Amino acid sequence: MSLKRRNRISGQWSPRLIEMLESPAYQALSLSAHRAMARIEIELAHHGGNDNGRLPVTKLDFMDYGISARLVAPAIRELEALGFIRVTERGRGGNSEYRQPNKFFLTFAHSRDSRQSPPTHDWRKIKTVEEATEIATAARNDKSPRAVQFAKNRAKKTETRDHLVGPKPGSLSVPENAKSPDPLSVPTGSGHLVVPLSISRAGGPDYSRATATQPYAGYSSLPVELRLLALGLTSAKKFGLEKIGGAA
């Protein structure tokens, strides 16, 4: 009669020593470093426990696991400085045929070849939490000069490209408080072409220019008799205009 083992785990799992979980190095880990370490462990499981030291994990893999793009590199530096991983092969960016991911070795993982290559547990070298915190902070802030120069060159290329292409559509729009003449408010007697900008810019019909007219001078331009008649100070009969008035 066979007895079933009660401690059987139905699924893949990754062991971690309690000693490691209590270690100063582990206590100093940031959230991004915890996620990065877990993602590399997942990669080892996907390889069936093989290839420790040759585990490829891309930046996009880390980002998909919840790590911000700007925190991926600091998290990797932190893990390596605290002794949890080793970067066995440095990756590089570029086009698809030249792009290569980093390859990792987990110093605490038990893989299929652990008998020949047992875990090194490099995290044991750190003895105090203060020391671990100082190392982790320095590693996160220690940017690679090569990576910094690459970022500067990329920013410079982007700036040059934007300068050659020109500003984006809409960036040359006139502010609302700018004092510019309204194309529809110009008097017809000024001789300007009264056409909306949207039509003129689109090559609309060629409207003829308006001709200036003489201004109306009011009563002063009329003869005295007609001005008196208009004001009701005389009669139309006096000026022989009764027929015109009757016709009106």
Protein backbone atom coordinates (compact mmCIF):
# COMPACT_ATOMS: atom_id res chain seq x y z
CA MET A 1 0.00 0.00 0.00
CA SER A 2 1.51 3.30 -1.08
CA LEU A 3 1.07 6.44 0.97
CA LYS A 4 0.61 9.82 -0.64
CA ARG A 5 3.05 12.51 0.37
CA ARG A 6 1.19 15.31 2.11
CA ASN A 7 3.83 17.93 1.35
CA ARG A 8 3.66 17.55 -2.42
CA ILE A 9 3.38 20.86 -4.33
CA SER A 10 1.23 20.58 -7.44
CA GLY A 11 3.12 22.88 -9.76
CA GLN A 12 6.47 24.47 -10.37
CA TRP A 13 8.04 26.20 -7.42
CA SER A 14 11.23 28.04 -6.52
CA PRO A 15 12.93 27.39 -3.17
CA ARG A 16 14.55 30.17 -1.14
CA LEU A 17 16.50 29.56 2.04
CA ILE A 18 15.05 31.11 5.17
CA GLU A 19 18.61 32.22 5.87
CA MET A 20 18.49 34.25 2.68
CA LEU A 21 15.10 35.75 3.51
CA GLU A 22 16.50 36.90 6.86
CA SER A 23 19.79 38.15 5.46
CA PRO A 24 20.77 41.86 5.52
CA ALA A 25 21.14 41.83 1.75
CA TYR A 26 17.58 40.60 1.27
CA GLN A 27 16.20 43.19 3.69
CA ALA A 28 17.82 46.00 1.71
CA LEU A 29 16.24 45.03 -1.61
CA SER A 30 13.98 47.56 -3.31
CA LEU A 31 10.61 46.60 -4.80
CA SER A 32 12.02 46.76 -8.33
CA ALA A 33 14.88 44.45 -7.35
CA HIS A 34 12.44 41.95 -5.80
CA ARG A 35 10.44 41.88 -9.03
CA ALA A 36 13.54 41.54 -11.19
CA MET A 37 14.82 38.63 -9.11
CA ALA A 38 11.45 36.88 -9.30
CA ARG A 39 11.31 37.36 -13.06
CA ILE A 40 14.72 35.68 -13.48
CA GLU A 41 13.54 32.81 -11.27
CA ILE A 42 10.51 32.43 -13.55
CA GLU A 43 12.84 32.25 -16.54
CA LEU A 44 14.80 29.44 -14.87
CA ALA A 45 11.54 27.54 -14.32
CA HIS A 46 10.57 28.02 -17.98
CA HIS A 47 13.91 26.42 -18.88
CA GLY A 48 12.98 23.38 -16.79
CA GLY A 49 15.61 24.19 -14.17
CA ASN A 50 18.38 24.23 -16.77
CA ASP A 51 20.65 26.91 -18.20
CA ASN A 52 21.36 28.81 -14.98
CA GLY A 53 23.96 31.31 -16.10
CA ARG A 54 22.48 31.44 -19.58
CA LEU A 55 19.03 32.79 -18.71
CA PRO A 56 17.98 35.48 -21.20
CA VAL A 57 15.61 38.14 -19.86
CA THR A 58 14.93 41.25 -21.92
CA LYS A 59 14.09 44.71 -20.70
CA LEU A 60 10.59 44.25 -22.09
CA ASP A 61 10.22 41.05 -20.02
CA PHE A 62 11.01 43.02 -16.87
CA MET A 63 8.62 45.80 -17.87
CA ASP A 64 5.81 43.32 -18.53
CA TYR A 65 6.39 41.99 -15.02
CA GLY A 66 5.64 45.42 -13.56
CA ILE A 67 9.01 47.19 -13.42
CA SER A 68 9.18 50.75 -14.73
CA ALA A 69 11.43 51.16 -17.76
CA ARG A 70 13.72 53.60 -15.96
CA LEU A 71 14.12 51.22 -12.99
CA VAL A 72 15.13 48.04 -14.84
CA ALA A 73 18.84 48.82 -15.07
CA PRO A 74 19.12 50.09 -11.44
CA ALA A 75 17.35 46.94 -10.19
CA ILE A 76 19.79 44.68 -12.06
CA ARG A 77 22.79 46.61 -10.69
CA GLU A 78 21.34 46.35 -7.19
CA LEU A 79 20.80 42.59 -7.39
CA GLU A 80 24.29 42.01 -8.71
CA ALA A 81 25.92 44.24 -6.09
CA LEU A 82 24.07 42.49 -3.25
CA GLY A 83 25.11 39.08 -4.54
CA PHE A 84 21.81 37.57 -5.70
CA ILE A 85 22.60 37.41 -9.42
CA ARG A 86 25.47 37.64 -11.85
CA VAL A 87 25.20 39.08 -15.34
CA THR A 88 27.14 36.50 -17.32
CA GLU A 89 26.62 38.18 -20.70
CA ARG A 90 25.90 41.87 -21.24
CA GLY A 91 23.18 42.58 -23.77
CA ARG A 92 23.05 45.39 -26.28
CA GLY A 93 20.36 47.33 -28.08
CA GLY A 94 20.02 48.14 -31.76
CA ASN A 95 18.27 46.56 -34.71
CA SER A 96 16.72 43.12 -34.47
CA GLU A 97 19.71 41.27 -35.90
CA TYR A 98 22.12 42.95 -33.45
CA ARG A 99 19.96 43.16 -30.33
CA GLN A 100 20.92 40.80 -27.52
CA PRO A 101 19.42 40.46 -24.01
CA ASN A 102 21.34 40.16 -20.77
CA LYS A 103 21.94 36.61 -19.55
CA PHE A 104 21.77 35.87 -15.83
CA PHE A 105 22.98 33.47 -13.17
CA LEU A 106 21.03 33.12 -9.90
CA THR A 107 23.51 32.61 -7.07
CA PHE A 108 20.90 31.04 -4.74
CA ALA A 109 18.96 28.85 -7.18
CA HIS A 110 19.05 25.06 -7.15
CA SER A 111 18.98 23.87 -10.75
CA ARG A 112 19.44 20.51 -12.41
CA ASP A 113 23.22 20.92 -12.51
CA SER A 114 23.54 22.06 -8.89
CA ARG A 115 25.63 19.02 -8.00
CA GLN A 116 28.33 20.04 -10.45
CA SER A 117 27.82 23.79 -9.92
CA PRO A 118 26.26 24.37 -6.49
CA PRO A 119 24.78 27.78 -5.58
CA THR A 120 27.43 30.30 -4.55
CA HIS A 121 25.19 32.37 -2.23
CA ASP A 122 27.21 35.56 -2.72
CA TRP A 123 24.68 37.50 -0.62
CA ARG A 124 26.24 35.92 2.51
CA LYS A 125 29.26 38.23 2.17
CA ILE A 126 27.20 41.19 3.42
CA LYS A 127 26.99 41.16 7.21
CA THR A 128 24.88 44.16 8.25
CA VAL A 129 21.75 45.94 7.06
CA GLU A 130 23.60 49.26 7.04
CA GLU A 131 26.26 47.84 4.75
CA ALA A 132 23.62 46.29 2.49
CA THR A 133 21.63 49.55 2.29
CA GLU A 134 24.75 51.52 1.40
CA ILE A 135 25.72 49.03 -1.30
CA ALA A 136 22.20 48.96 -2.77
CA THR A 137 21.94 52.76 -2.88
CA ALA A 138 25.36 53.12 -4.50
CA ALA A 139 24.55 50.44 -7.09
CA ARG A 140 21.24 52.05 -8.07
CA ASN A 141 22.91 55.44 -8.52
CA ASP A 142 26.01 54.10 -10.29
CA LYS A 143 25.00 54.68 -13.88
CA SER A 144 27.20 53.21 -16.54
CA PRO A 145 29.12 55.94 -18.44
CA ARG A 146 28.43 54.03 -21.64
CA ALA A 147 24.69 53.98 -20.96
CA VAL A 148 24.67 57.68 -20.08
CA GLN A 149 26.50 58.58 -23.29
CA PHE A 150 24.10 56.41 -25.30
CA ALA A 151 21.11 58.23 -23.79
CA LYS A 152 22.67 61.63 -24.57
CA ASN A 153 23.37 60.62 -28.19
CA ARG A 154 19.81 59.39 -28.59
CA ALA A 155 18.40 62.64 -27.21
CA LYS A 156 20.64 64.63 -29.55
CA LYS A 157 19.47 62.60 -32.56
CA THR A 158 15.85 63.17 -31.59
CA GLU A 159 16.42 66.92 -31.27
CA THR A 160 18.16 67.06 -34.67
CA ARG A 161 15.37 65.11 -36.32
CA ASP A 162 12.70 67.39 -34.88
CA HIS A 163 14.64 70.41 -36.11
CA LEU A 164 14.86 69.05 -39.66
CA VAL A 165 11.25 67.90 -39.82
CA GLY A 166 9.92 71.11 -38.32
CA PRO A 167 7.36 71.80 -35.64
CA LYS A 168 4.30 69.67 -35.26
CA PRO A 169 1.03 70.85 -36.85
CA GLY A 170 -0.72 73.39 -34.70
CA SER A 171 2.43 74.61 -32.96
CA LEU A 172 2.41 77.81 -35.04
CA SER A 173 -1.15 78.78 -34.13
CA VAL A 174 -1.71 82.39 -33.10
CA PRO A 175 -2.49 82.94 -29.41
CA GLU A 176 -6.00 83.99 -28.54
CA ASN A 177 -4.84 87.34 -27.17
CA ALA A 178 -2.73 88.20 -30.23
CA LYS A 179 -3.72 91.48 -31.89
CA SER A 180 -4.25 90.49 -35.50
CA PRO A 181 -6.76 92.03 -37.92
CA ASP A 182 -9.98 90.19 -38.54
CA PRO A 183 -10.16 89.45 -42.29
CA LEU A 184 -13.93 89.90 -42.23
CA SER A 185 -13.92 93.22 -40.39
CA VAL A 186 -12.12 95.28 -43.08
CA PRO A 187 -14.34 98.04 -44.61
CA THR A 188 -15.36 97.48 -48.21
CA GLY A 189 -14.17 100.95 -49.11
CA SER A 190 -10.58 100.22 -48.09
CA GLY A 191 -9.84 98.32 -51.26
CA HIS A 192 -8.92 95.06 -49.44
CA LEU A 193 -10.14 91.71 -50.58
CA VAL A 194 -12.83 90.52 -48.19
CA VAL A 195 -12.39 86.74 -48.18
CA PRO A 196 -12.19 84.37 -45.19
CA LEU A 197 -8.66 83.03 -44.59
CA SER A 198 -9.74 79.44 -44.95
CA ILE A 199 -10.97 80.17 -48.49
CA SER A 200 -8.05 82.31 -49.60
CA ARG A 201 -5.50 79.80 -48.28
CA ALA A 202 -7.28 77.02 -50.09
CA GLY A 203 -7.18 78.89 -53.41
CA GLY A 204 -10.81 79.95 -53.52
CA PRO A 205 -12.52 82.13 -56.16
CA ASP A 206 -10.87 85.42 -57.15
CA TYR A 207 -13.23 88.05 -55.77
CA SER A 208 -13.07 91.51 -57.37
CA ARG A 209 -11.90 94.33 -55.17
CA ALA A 210 -14.57 96.70 -53.88
CA THR A 211 -14.56 100.30 -55.16
CA ALA A 212 -14.32 103.09 -52.65
CA THR A 213 -17.47 105.23 -52.41
CA GLN A 214 -17.91 108.90 -51.45
CA PRO A 215 -19.18 109.34 -47.92
CA TYR A 216 -22.76 110.69 -47.40
CA ALA A 217 -22.58 114.27 -46.13
CA GLY A 218 -26.17 114.41 -44.77
CA TYR A 219 -28.40 117.55 -45.04
CA SER A 220 -25.44 119.78 -45.79
CA SER A 221 -25.20 118.37 -49.33
CA LEU A 222 -28.83 119.30 -50.21
CA PRO A 223 -30.05 122.64 -51.55
CA VAL A 224 -31.48 125.01 -48.96
CA GLU A 225 -35.06 124.65 -50.33
CA LEU A 226 -35.03 120.88 -50.01
CA ARG A 227 -33.56 121.07 -46.53
CA LEU A 228 -36.42 123.41 -45.47
CA LEU A 229 -38.96 121.10 -47.10
CA ALA A 230 -37.53 118.10 -45.28
CA LEU A 231 -37.74 119.93 -41.97
CA GLY A 232 -41.41 120.99 -42.66
CA LEU A 233 -40.59 124.69 -42.69
CA THR A 234 -42.05 125.29 -46.16
CA SER A 235 -44.58 123.68 -48.51
CA ALA A 236 -44.07 121.67 -51.65
CA LYS A 237 -46.39 124.00 -53.58
CA LYS A 238 -43.94 126.87 -53.16
CA PHE A 239 -41.32 124.91 -55.06
CA GLY A 240 -43.72 123.32 -57.60
CA LEU A 241 -43.38 119.84 -56.06
CA GLU A 242 -47.06 119.13 -55.33
CA LYS A 243 -47.35 116.74 -58.21
CA ILE A 244 -44.39 114.78 -57.00
CA GLY A 245 -45.83 114.71 -53.53
CA GLY A 246 -49.22 113.55 -54.88
CA ALA A 247 -47.57 110.87 -56.93
CA ALA A 248 -45.73 109.70 -53.82
